[in-house]
Amino acid sequence: MPTNHDLGGLMKFLRRDEWRECFEGVFNEHFGPVLEGEGDFEDLAEVLGDHWTNALWGCVFEDFLTLDFEG
């Protein structure tokens, strides 16, 4: 039985082809200016640590979930 904190279904949803491009767009809105010519998102973990990198990714994911891409 899933718990209240189980994000597995949402993560599976995000991997669908029709939503991957939308997520990448939101991700680039958040991190494009920071990463432009400086490296990849994974490189941030070396500077910030995994905890903060995951928290930042979570902010992008949360923003993505609030947007209407079809309307």
PDB file of N, CA and C in Angstrom:
ATOM      1  N   MET A   1       0.848  -1.177   0.000  1.00  0.00           N
ATOM      2  CA  MET A   1       0.000   0.000   0.000  1.00  0.00           C
ATOM      3  C   MET A   1       0.897   1.246   0.000  1.00  0.00           C
ATOM      4  N   PRO A   2       0.631   2.187  -0.895  1.00  0.00           N
ATOM      5  CA  PRO A   2       1.441   3.411  -0.929  1.00  0.00           C
ATOM      6  C   PRO A   2       1.214   4.266   0.315  1.00  0.00           C
ATOM      7  N   THR A   3       2.244   4.970   0.687  1.00  0.00           N
ATOM      8  CA  THR A   3       2.132   5.896   1.807  1.00  0.00           C
ATOM      9  C   THR A   3       1.888   7.298   1.276  1.00  0.00           C
ATOM     10  N   ASN A   4       1.608   8.219   2.171  1.00  0.00           N
ATOM     11  CA  ASN A   4       1.385   9.610   1.776  1.00  0.00           C
ATOM     12  C   ASN A   4       2.613  10.235   1.144  1.00  0.00           C
ATOM     13  N   HIS A   5       3.783   9.693   1.424  1.00  0.00           N
ATOM     14  CA  HIS A   5       5.024  10.268   0.930  1.00  0.00           C
ATOM     15  C   HIS A   5       5.585   9.502  -0.265  1.00  0.00           C
ATOM     16  N   ASP A   6       4.821   8.594  -0.833  1.00  0.00           N
ATOM     17  CA  ASP A   6       5.270   7.794  -1.967  1.00  0.00           C
ATOM     18  C   ASP A   6       5.103   8.598  -3.250  1.00  0.00           C
ATOM     19  N   LEU A   7       6.212   8.973  -3.866  1.00  0.00           N
ATOM     20  CA  LEU A   7       6.180   9.769  -5.095  1.00  0.00           C
ATOM     21  C   LEU A   7       6.410   8.919  -6.335  1.00  0.00           C
ATOM     22  N   GLY A   8       6.424   7.604  -6.177  1.00  0.00           N
ATOM     23  CA  GLY A   8       6.708   6.703  -7.289  1.00  0.00           C
ATOM     24  C   GLY A   8       5.789   6.910  -8.484  1.00  0.00           C
ATOM     25  N   GLY A   9       4.497   7.083  -8.220  1.00  0.00           N
ATOM     26  CA  GLY A   9       3.550   7.292  -9.315  1.00  0.00           C
ATOM     27  C   GLY A   9       3.804   8.589 -10.060  1.00  0.00           C
ATOM     28  N   LEU A  10       4.114   9.641  -9.320  1.00  0.00           N
ATOM     29  CA  LEU A  10       4.416  10.923  -9.964  1.00  0.00           C
ATOM     30  C   LEU A  10       5.700  10.853 -10.778  1.00  0.00           C
ATOM     31  N   MET A  11       6.688  10.149 -10.273  1.00  0.00           N
ATOM     32  CA  MET A  11       7.947  10.017 -10.995  1.00  0.00           C
ATOM     33  C   MET A  11       7.745   9.211 -12.275  1.00  0.00           C
ATOM     34  N   LYS A  12       6.904   8.191 -12.209  1.00  0.00           N
ATOM     35  CA  LYS A  12       6.594   7.393 -13.394  1.00  0.00           C
ATOM     36  C   LYS A  12       5.888   8.269 -14.431  1.00  0.00           C
ATOM     37  N   PHE A  13       4.982   9.094 -13.979  1.00  0.00           N
ATOM     38  CA  PHE A  13       4.270  10.039 -14.835  1.00  0.00           C
ATOM     39  C   PHE A  13       5.250  10.973 -15.541  1.00  0.00           C
ATOM     40  N   LEU A  14       6.240  11.447 -14.823  1.00  0.00           N
ATOM     41  CA  LEU A  14       7.212  12.390 -15.369  1.00  0.00           C
ATOM     42  C   LEU A  14       8.048  11.768 -16.480  1.00  0.00           C
ATOM     43  N   ARG A  15       8.246  10.462 -16.440  1.00  0.00           N
ATOM     44  CA  ARG A  15       9.064   9.791 -17.457  1.00  0.00           C
ATOM     45  C   ARG A  15       8.322   9.558 -18.766  1.00  0.00           C
ATOM     46  N   ARG A  16       7.045   9.827 -18.804  1.00  0.00           N
ATOM     47  CA  ARG A  16       6.291   9.677 -20.056  1.00  0.00           C
ATOM     48  C   ARG A  16       6.801  10.674 -21.086  1.00  0.00           C
ATOM     49  N   ASP A  17       6.892  10.229 -22.323  1.00  0.00           N
ATOM     50  CA  ASP A  17       7.427  11.081 -23.391  1.00  0.00           C
ATOM     51  C   ASP A  17       6.690  12.405 -23.514  1.00  0.00           C
ATOM     52  N   GLU A  18       5.367  12.371 -23.381  1.00  0.00           N
ATOM     53  CA  GLU A  18       4.589  13.592 -23.583  1.00  0.00           C
ATOM     54  C   GLU A  18       4.821  14.639 -22.493  1.00  0.00           C
ATOM     55  N   TRP A  19       5.362  14.243 -21.346  1.00  0.00           N
ATOM     56  CA  TRP A  19       5.611  15.194 -20.264  1.00  0.00           C
ATOM     57  C   TRP A  19       7.083  15.516 -20.067  1.00  0.00           C
ATOM     58  N   ARG A  20       7.960  14.696 -20.623  1.00  0.00           N
ATOM     59  CA  ARG A  20       9.400  14.906 -20.442  1.00  0.00           C
ATOM     60  C   ARG A  20       9.830  16.265 -20.986  1.00  0.00           C
ATOM     61  N   GLU A  21       9.359  16.604 -22.176  1.00  0.00           N
ATOM     62  CA  GLU A  21       9.727  17.889 -22.788  1.00  0.00           C
ATOM     63  C   GLU A  21       9.194  19.068 -21.967  1.00  0.00           C
ATOM     64  N   CYS A  22       7.990  18.925 -21.445  1.00  0.00           N
ATOM     65  CA  CYS A  22       7.422  19.987 -20.606  1.00  0.00           C
ATOM     66  C   CYS A  22       8.265  20.182 -19.351  1.00  0.00           C
ATOM     67  N   PHE A  23       8.663  19.075 -18.724  1.00  0.00           N
ATOM     68  CA  PHE A  23       9.487  19.180 -17.522  1.00  0.00           C
ATOM     69  C   PHE A  23      10.834  19.812 -17.849  1.00  0.00           C
ATOM     70  N   GLU A  24      11.426  19.414 -18.953  1.00  0.00           N
ATOM     71  CA  GLU A  24      12.718  19.992 -19.338  1.00  0.00           C
ATOM     72  C   GLU A  24      12.604  21.494 -19.543  1.00  0.00           C
ATOM     73  N   GLY A  25      11.482  21.952 -20.078  1.00  0.00           N
ATOM     74  CA  GLY A  25      11.267  23.385 -20.245  1.00  0.00           C
ATOM     75  C   GLY A  25      11.226  24.116 -18.911  1.00  0.00           C
ATOM     76  N   VAL A  26      10.498  23.552 -17.951  1.00  0.00           N
ATOM     77  CA  VAL A  26      10.416  24.160 -16.617  1.00  0.00           C
ATOM     78  C   VAL A  26      11.790  24.112 -15.949  1.00  0.00           C
ATOM     79  N   PHE A  27      12.464  22.993 -16.084  1.00  0.00           N
ATOM     80  CA  PHE A  27      13.803  22.846 -15.509  1.00  0.00           C
ATOM     81  C   PHE A  27      14.742  23.915 -16.071  1.00  0.00           C
ATOM     82  N   ASN A  28      14.694  24.115 -17.371  1.00  0.00           N
ATOM     83  CA  ASN A  28      15.572  25.111 -17.999  1.00  0.00           C
ATOM     84  C   ASN A  28      15.211  26.535 -17.596  1.00  0.00           C
ATOM     85  N   GLU A  29      13.940  26.793 -17.338  1.00  0.00           N
ATOM     86  CA  GLU A  29      13.552  28.118 -16.841  1.00  0.00           C
ATOM     87  C   GLU A  29      14.201  28.397 -15.487  1.00  0.00           C
ATOM     88  N   HIS A  30      14.262  27.374 -14.652  1.00  0.00           N
ATOM     89  CA  HIS A  30      14.833  27.533 -13.313  1.00  0.00           C
ATOM     90  C   HIS A  30      16.358  27.556 -13.329  1.00  0.00           C
ATOM     91  N   PHE A  31      16.965  26.664 -14.091  1.00  0.00           N
ATOM     92  CA  PHE A  31      18.407  26.474 -13.992  1.00  0.00           C
ATOM     93  C   PHE A  31      19.198  26.867 -15.225  1.00  0.00           C
ATOM     94  N   GLY A  32      18.527  27.151 -16.327  1.00  0.00           N
ATOM     95  CA  GLY A  32      19.236  27.520 -17.545  1.00  0.00           C
ATOM     96  C   GLY A  32      20.249  28.633 -17.349  1.00  0.00           C
ATOM     97  N   PRO A  33      19.842  29.761 -16.760  1.00  0.00           N
ATOM     98  CA  PRO A  33      20.797  30.864 -16.579  1.00  0.00           C
ATOM     99  C   PRO A  33      21.986  30.500 -15.687  1.00  0.00           C
ATOM    100  N   VAL A  34      21.772  29.655 -14.705  1.00  0.00           N
ATOM    101  CA  VAL A  34      22.849  29.277 -13.785  1.00  0.00           C
ATOM    102  C   VAL A  34      23.820  28.304 -14.450  1.00  0.00           C
ATOM    103  N   LEU A  35      23.277  27.377 -15.219  1.00  0.00           N
ATOM    104  CA  LEU A  35      24.103  26.325 -15.800  1.00  0.00           C
ATOM    105  C   LEU A  35      24.670  26.683 -17.166  1.00  0.00           C
ATOM    106  N   GLU A  36      24.188  27.732 -17.759  1.00  0.00           N
ATOM    107  CA  GLU A  36      24.590  28.101 -19.110  1.00  0.00           C
ATOM    108  C   GLU A  36      26.113  28.190 -19.225  1.00  0.00           C
ATOM    109  N   GLY A  37      26.676  27.253 -19.965  1.00  0.00           N
ATOM    110  CA  GLY A  37      28.107  27.243 -20.197  1.00  0.00           C
ATOM    111  C   GLY A  37      28.949  26.857 -19.000  1.00  0.00           C
ATOM    112  N   GLU A  38      28.313  26.479 -17.893  1.00  0.00           N
ATOM    113  CA  GLU A  38      29.069  26.194 -16.669  1.00  0.00           C
ATOM    114  C   GLU A  38      29.056  24.720 -16.278  1.00  0.00           C
ATOM    115  N   GLY A  39      28.233  23.919 -16.897  1.00  0.00           N
ATOM    116  CA  GLY A  39      28.194  22.506 -16.531  1.00  0.00           C
ATOM    117  C   GLY A  39      26.784  21.970 -16.506  1.00  0.00           C
ATOM    118  N   ASP A  40      26.644  20.830 -15.872  1.00  0.00           N
ATOM    119  CA  ASP A  40      25.367  20.138 -15.779  1.00  0.00           C
ATOM    120  C   ASP A  40      24.799  20.280 -14.373  1.00  0.00           C
ATOM    121  N   PHE A  41      23.517  19.949 -14.267  1.00  0.00           N
ATOM    122  CA  PHE A  41      22.855  20.002 -12.963  1.00  0.00           C
ATOM    123  C   PHE A  41      23.573  19.108 -11.955  1.00  0.00           C
ATOM    124  N   GLU A  42      24.046  17.956 -12.423  1.00  0.00           N
ATOM    125  CA  GLU A  42      24.740  17.031 -11.531  1.00  0.00           C
ATOM    126  C   GLU A  42      25.994  17.661 -10.932  1.00  0.00           C
ATOM    127  N   ASP A  43      26.602  18.612 -11.649  1.00  0.00           N
ATOM    128  CA  ASP A  43      27.793  19.292 -11.137  1.00  0.00           C
ATOM    129  C   ASP A  43      27.482  20.138  -9.902  1.00  0.00           C
ATOM    130  N   LEU A  44      26.232  20.555  -9.775  1.00  0.00           N
ATOM    131  CA  LEU A  44      25.850  21.342  -8.599  1.00  0.00           C
ATOM    132  C   LEU A  44      26.007  20.552  -7.302  1.00  0.00           C
ATOM    133  N   ALA A  45      25.839  19.235  -7.389  1.00  0.00           N
ATOM    134  CA  ALA A  45      25.975  18.402  -6.192  1.00  0.00           C
ATOM    135  C   ALA A  45      27.383  18.496  -5.620  1.00  0.00           C
ATOM    136  N   GLU A  46      28.357  18.676  -6.479  1.00  0.00           N
ATOM    137  CA  GLU A  46      29.735  18.815  -6.000  1.00  0.00           C
ATOM    138  C   GLU A  46      29.913  20.109  -5.213  1.00  0.00           C
ATOM    139  N   VAL A  47      29.164  21.130  -5.579  1.00  0.00           N
ATOM    140  CA  VAL A  47      29.274  22.426  -4.916  1.00  0.00           C
ATOM    141  C   VAL A  47      28.330  22.513  -3.717  1.00  0.00           C
ATOM    142  N   LEU A  48      27.077  22.116  -3.930  1.00  0.00           N
ATOM    143  CA  LEU A  48      26.045  22.285  -2.906  1.00  0.00           C
ATOM    144  C   LEU A  48      25.836  21.061  -2.026  1.00  0.00           C
ATOM    145  N   GLY A  49      26.161  19.908  -2.544  1.00  0.00           N
ATOM    146  CA  GLY A  49      25.872  18.655  -1.852  1.00  0.00           C
ATOM    147  C   GLY A  49      24.568  18.059  -2.362  1.00  0.00           C
ATOM    148  N   ASP A  50      24.430  16.759  -2.200  1.00  0.00           N
ATOM    149  CA  ASP A  50      23.254  16.049  -2.706  1.00  0.00           C
ATOM    150  C   ASP A  50      21.950  16.547  -2.098  1.00  0.00           C
ATOM    151  N   HIS A  51      21.964  16.836  -0.812  1.00  0.00           N
ATOM    152  CA  HIS A  51      20.729  17.269  -0.143  1.00  0.00           C
ATOM    153  C   HIS A  51      20.146  18.509  -0.817  1.00  0.00           C
ATOM    154  N   TRP A  52      20.960  19.526  -1.012  1.00  0.00           N
ATOM    155  CA  TRP A  52      20.462  20.778  -1.584  1.00  0.00           C
ATOM    156  C   TRP A  52      20.153  20.632  -3.067  1.00  0.00           C
ATOM    157  N   THR A  53      20.916  19.817  -3.758  1.00  0.00           N
ATOM    158  CA  THR A  53      20.626  19.581  -5.172  1.00  0.00           C
ATOM    159  C   THR A  53      19.265  18.906  -5.315  1.00  0.00           C
ATOM    160  N   ASN A  54      18.990  17.920  -4.463  1.00  0.00           N
ATOM    161  CA  ASN A  54      17.684  17.251  -4.491  1.00  0.00           C
ATOM    162  C   ASN A  54      16.562  18.206  -4.112  1.00  0.00           C
ATOM    163  N   ALA A  55      16.808  19.080  -3.161  1.00  0.00           N
ATOM    164  CA  ALA A  55      15.793  20.063  -2.765  1.00  0.00           C
ATOM    165  C   ALA A  55      15.480  21.006  -3.921  1.00  0.00           C
ATOM    166  N   LEU A  56      16.499  21.451  -4.628  1.00  0.00           N
ATOM    167  CA  LEU A  56      16.285  22.342  -5.772  1.00  0.00           C
ATOM    168  C   LEU A  56      15.535  21.632  -6.892  1.00  0.00           C
ATOM    169  N   TRP A  57      15.888  20.372  -7.156  1.00  0.00           N
ATOM    170  CA  TRP A  57      15.175  19.604  -8.171  1.00  0.00           C
ATOM    171  C   TRP A  57      13.708  19.465  -7.762  1.00  0.00           C
ATOM    172  N   GLY A  58      13.474  19.248  -6.472  1.00  0.00           N
ATOM    173  CA  GLY A  58      12.107  19.137  -5.969  1.00  0.00           C
ATOM    174  C   GLY A  58      11.303  20.407  -6.184  1.00  0.00           C
ATOM    175  N   CYS A  59      11.945  21.555  -6.079  1.00  0.00           N
ATOM    176  CA  CYS A  59      11.259  22.832  -6.340  1.00  0.00           C
ATOM    177  C   CYS A  59      10.814  22.918  -7.791  1.00  0.00           C
ATOM    178  N   VAL A  60      11.673  22.486  -8.695  1.00  0.00           N
ATOM    179  CA  VAL A  60      11.320  22.484 -10.117  1.00  0.00           C
ATOM    180  C   VAL A  60      10.160  21.523 -10.352  1.00  0.00           C
ATOM    181  N   PHE A  61      10.228  20.343  -9.759  1.00  0.00           N
ATOM    182  CA  PHE A  61       9.176  19.349  -9.921  1.00  0.00           C
ATOM    183  C   PHE A  61       7.850  19.870  -9.386  1.00  0.00           C
ATOM    184  N   GLU A  62       7.885  20.505  -8.242  1.00  0.00           N
ATOM    185  CA  GLU A  62       6.670  21.078  -7.656  1.00  0.00           C
ATOM    186  C   GLU A  62       6.090  22.157  -8.568  1.00  0.00           C
ATOM    187  N   ASP A  63       6.933  23.004  -9.107  1.00  0.00           N
ATOM    188  CA  ASP A  63       6.486  24.036 -10.041  1.00  0.00           C
ATOM    189  C   ASP A  63       5.855  23.391 -11.266  1.00  0.00           C
ATOM    190  N   PHE A  64       6.490  22.372 -11.805  1.00  0.00           N
ATOM    191  CA  PHE A  64       5.982  21.638 -12.964  1.00  0.00           C
ATOM    192  C   PHE A  64       4.572  21.111 -12.708  1.00  0.00           C
ATOM    193  N   LEU A  65       4.346  20.570 -11.519  1.00  0.00           N
ATOM    194  CA  LEU A  65       3.042  19.985 -11.197  1.00  0.00           C
ATOM    195  C   LEU A  65       1.931  21.022 -11.108  1.00  0.00           C
ATOM    196  N   THR A  66       2.269  22.284 -10.944  1.00  0.00           N
ATOM    197  CA  THR A  66       1.246  23.326 -10.816  1.00  0.00           C
ATOM    198  C   THR A  66       0.869  23.958 -12.148  1.00  0.00           C
ATOM    199  N   LEU A  67       1.580  23.618 -13.220  1.00  0.00           N
ATOM    200  CA  LEU A  67       1.364  24.278 -14.503  1.00  0.00           C
ATOM    201  C   LEU A  67       0.368  23.529 -15.373  1.00  0.00           C
ATOM    202  N   ASP A  68      -0.322  24.269 -16.235  1.00  0.00           N
ATOM    203  CA  ASP A  68      -1.271  23.705 -17.195  1.00  0.00           C
ATOM    204  C   ASP A  68      -0.641  23.797 -18.575  1.00  0.00           C
ATOM    205  N   PHE A  69      -0.259  22.668 -19.145  1.00  0.00           N
ATOM    206  CA  PHE A  69       0.410  22.647 -20.441  1.00  0.00           C
ATOM    207  C   PHE A  69      -0.562  22.453 -21.598  1.00  0.00           C
ATOM    208  N   GLU A  70      -1.786  22.107 -21.299  1.00  0.00           N
ATOM    209  CA  GLU A  70      -2.762  21.830 -22.347  1.00  0.00           C
ATOM    210  C   GLU A  70      -3.776  22.946 -22.527  1.00  0.00           C
ATOM    211  N   GLY A  71      -3.822  23.888 -21.611  1.00  0.00           N
ATOM    212  CA  GLY A  71      -4.870  24.891 -21.651  1.00  0.00           C
ATOM    213  C   GLY A  71      -4.467  26.202 -22.095  1.00  0.00           C
TER     214      GLY A  71
END
